[in-house]
Amino acid sequence: MEGYEVDDLSAARELLQRNAVKKILIEVCPENLARAGSSVQELWNMWKMMGYVAYMVEDTRQNHVLTLAECESFGCINIILRPAV
């Protein structure tokens, strides 16, 4: 994906909006997103619109939903997206 996560999620929109995908492992890297003409904000909006929430893979806190500010502040991080429902 290397920065094209927004395009990839958009291509899978129908599946994601039906919550047919229970978990998505994705790397959020602001530099790669910017190089591809996107941003953490755009990626965040995409997964929120589709009904997903983000959890940091390396986080020891149980069920801590990441905020946009956290996603933007960590640099490159691995996250898991799960349906919010």
C-alpha atoms as a PDB file:
ATOM      1  CA  MET A   1       0.000   0.000   0.000  1.00  0.00           C
ATOM      2  CA  GLU A   2       2.810   2.445   0.921  1.00  0.00           C
ATOM      3  CA  GLY A   3       0.681   5.575   1.177  1.00  0.00           C
ATOM      4  CA  TYR A   4      -2.255   4.409  -0.929  1.00  0.00           C
ATOM      5  CA  GLU A   5      -4.314   3.139   2.009  1.00  0.00           C
ATOM      6  CA  VAL A   6      -7.137   5.585   1.262  1.00  0.00           C
ATOM      7  CA  ASP A   7      -7.430   4.230  -2.292  1.00  0.00           C
ATOM      8  CA  ASP A   8      -7.326   0.636  -1.066  1.00  0.00           C
ATOM      9  CA  LEU A   9     -10.010   1.192   1.577  1.00  0.00           C
ATOM     10  CA  SER A  10     -12.123   3.056  -0.964  1.00  0.00           C
ATOM     11  CA  ALA A  11     -11.909   0.096  -3.354  1.00  0.00           C
ATOM     12  CA  ALA A  12     -13.205  -2.172  -0.578  1.00  0.00           C
ATOM     13  CA  ARG A  13     -15.941   0.263   0.489  1.00  0.00           C
ATOM     14  CA  GLU A  14     -18.891  -2.097  -0.045  1.00  0.00           C
ATOM     15  CA  LEU A  15     -17.364  -4.865   2.069  1.00  0.00           C
ATOM     16  CA  LEU A  16     -16.274  -2.461   4.777  1.00  0.00           C
ATOM     17  CA  GLN A  17     -19.629  -0.690   5.050  1.00  0.00           C
ATOM     18  CA  ARG A  18     -21.297  -4.075   5.581  1.00  0.00           C
ATOM     19  CA  ASN A  19     -18.717  -4.867   8.303  1.00  0.00           C
ATOM     20  CA  ALA A  20     -17.834  -7.987   6.322  1.00  0.00           C
ATOM     21  CA  VAL A  21     -14.190  -7.461   7.293  1.00  0.00           C
ATOM     22  CA  LYS A  22     -13.707  -7.911  11.039  1.00  0.00           C
ATOM     23  CA  LYS A  23     -10.088  -6.754  11.332  1.00  0.00           C
ATOM     24  CA  ILE A  24      -7.711  -4.820   9.110  1.00  0.00           C
ATOM     25  CA  LEU A  25      -4.020  -4.452   9.887  1.00  0.00           C
ATOM     26  CA  ILE A  26      -2.680  -1.238   8.394  1.00  0.00           C
ATOM     27  CA  GLU A  27       0.381   0.960   8.734  1.00  0.00           C
ATOM     28  CA  VAL A  28      -0.330   4.660   9.113  1.00  0.00           C
ATOM     29  CA  CYS A  29       2.688   6.617   7.934  1.00  0.00           C
ATOM     30  CA  PRO A  30       2.150  10.356   7.367  1.00  0.00           C
ATOM     31  CA  GLU A  31       5.130  10.667   4.990  1.00  0.00           C
ATOM     32  CA  ASN A  32       3.923   7.854   2.735  1.00  0.00           C
ATOM     33  CA  LEU A  33       0.377   9.207   2.733  1.00  0.00           C
ATOM     34  CA  ALA A  34       1.603  12.693   1.819  1.00  0.00           C
ATOM     35  CA  ARG A  35       3.767  11.304  -0.995  1.00  0.00           C
ATOM     36  CA  ALA A  36       0.638   9.632  -2.400  1.00  0.00           C
ATOM     37  CA  GLY A  37      -1.358  12.870  -2.140  1.00  0.00           C
ATOM     38  CA  SER A  38      -3.284  11.895   0.992  1.00  0.00           C
ATOM     39  CA  SER A  39      -3.114  12.490   4.750  1.00  0.00           C
ATOM     40  CA  VAL A  40      -3.748  10.865   8.110  1.00  0.00           C
ATOM     41  CA  GLN A  41      -6.894  13.025   8.369  1.00  0.00           C
ATOM     42  CA  GLU A  42      -8.244  11.683   5.056  1.00  0.00           C
ATOM     43  CA  LEU A  43      -7.498   8.082   6.042  1.00  0.00           C
ATOM     44  CA  TRP A  44      -9.083   8.663   9.481  1.00  0.00           C
ATOM     45  CA  ASN A  45     -12.226  10.115   7.881  1.00  0.00           C
ATOM     46  CA  MET A  46     -12.440   7.148   5.508  1.00  0.00           C
ATOM     47  CA  TRP A  47     -12.401   4.452   8.190  1.00  0.00           C
ATOM     48  CA  LYS A  48     -14.693   6.425  10.515  1.00  0.00           C
ATOM     49  CA  MET A  49     -17.216   6.935   7.677  1.00  0.00           C
ATOM     50  CA  MET A  50     -17.192   3.184   7.077  1.00  0.00           C
ATOM     51  CA  GLY A  51     -17.873   2.449  10.745  1.00  0.00           C
ATOM     52  CA  TYR A  52     -14.412   1.383  11.942  1.00  0.00           C
ATOM     53  CA  VAL A  53     -12.309   2.369  14.948  1.00  0.00           C
ATOM     54  CA  ALA A  54      -8.535   2.116  15.306  1.00  0.00           C
ATOM     55  CA  TYR A  55      -6.384   0.417  17.926  1.00  0.00           C
ATOM     56  CA  MET A  56      -2.590   0.608  18.053  1.00  0.00           C
ATOM     57  CA  VAL A  57      -1.040  -2.854  17.699  1.00  0.00           C
ATOM     58  CA  GLU A  58       1.748  -2.175  20.210  1.00  0.00           C
ATOM     59  CA  ASP A  59      -0.572  -0.572  22.802  1.00  0.00           C
ATOM     60  CA  THR A  60      -0.714  -2.362  26.158  1.00  0.00           C
ATOM     61  CA  ARG A  61      -3.967  -0.621  27.133  1.00  0.00           C
ATOM     62  CA  GLN A  62      -6.935  -2.871  26.543  1.00  0.00           C
ATOM     63  CA  ASN A  63      -9.441  -1.516  24.034  1.00  0.00           C
ATOM     64  CA  HIS A  64      -8.004   2.005  23.817  1.00  0.00           C
ATOM     65  CA  VAL A  65      -9.522   3.554  20.691  1.00  0.00           C
ATOM     66  CA  LEU A  66      -7.023   5.847  19.002  1.00  0.00           C
ATOM     67  CA  THR A  67      -7.867   9.472  18.428  1.00  0.00           C
ATOM     68  CA  LEU A  68      -6.942  11.393  15.300  1.00  0.00           C
ATOM     69  CA  ALA A  69      -4.417  13.419  17.318  1.00  0.00           C
ATOM     70  CA  GLU A  70      -2.703  10.215  18.468  1.00  0.00           C
ATOM     71  CA  CYS A  71      -2.568   8.832  14.932  1.00  0.00           C
ATOM     72  CA  GLU A  72      -1.004  12.051  13.694  1.00  0.00           C
ATOM     73  CA  SER A  73       1.522  12.296  16.538  1.00  0.00           C
ATOM     74  CA  PHE A  74       3.074   8.827  16.468  1.00  0.00           C
ATOM     75  CA  GLY A  75       4.725   8.980  13.056  1.00  0.00           C
ATOM     76  CA  CYS A  76       4.510   5.543  11.409  1.00  0.00           C
ATOM     77  CA  ILE A  77       2.395   3.161  13.474  1.00  0.00           C
ATOM     78  CA  ASN A  78       0.698  -0.181  12.951  1.00  0.00           C
ATOM     79  CA  ILE A  79      -2.982  -0.184  13.771  1.00  0.00           C
ATOM     80  CA  ILE A  80      -5.874  -2.592  13.705  1.00  0.00           C
ATOM     81  CA  LEU A  81      -9.192  -1.378  12.370  1.00  0.00           C
ATOM     82  CA  ARG A  82     -12.303  -3.077  13.728  1.00  0.00           C
ATOM     83  CA  PRO A  83     -15.978  -2.349  13.236  1.00  0.00           C
ATOM     84  CA  ALA A  84     -17.196   0.115  15.863  1.00  0.00           C
ATOM     85  CA  VAL A  85     -20.392  -1.864  16.423  1.00  0.00           C
END
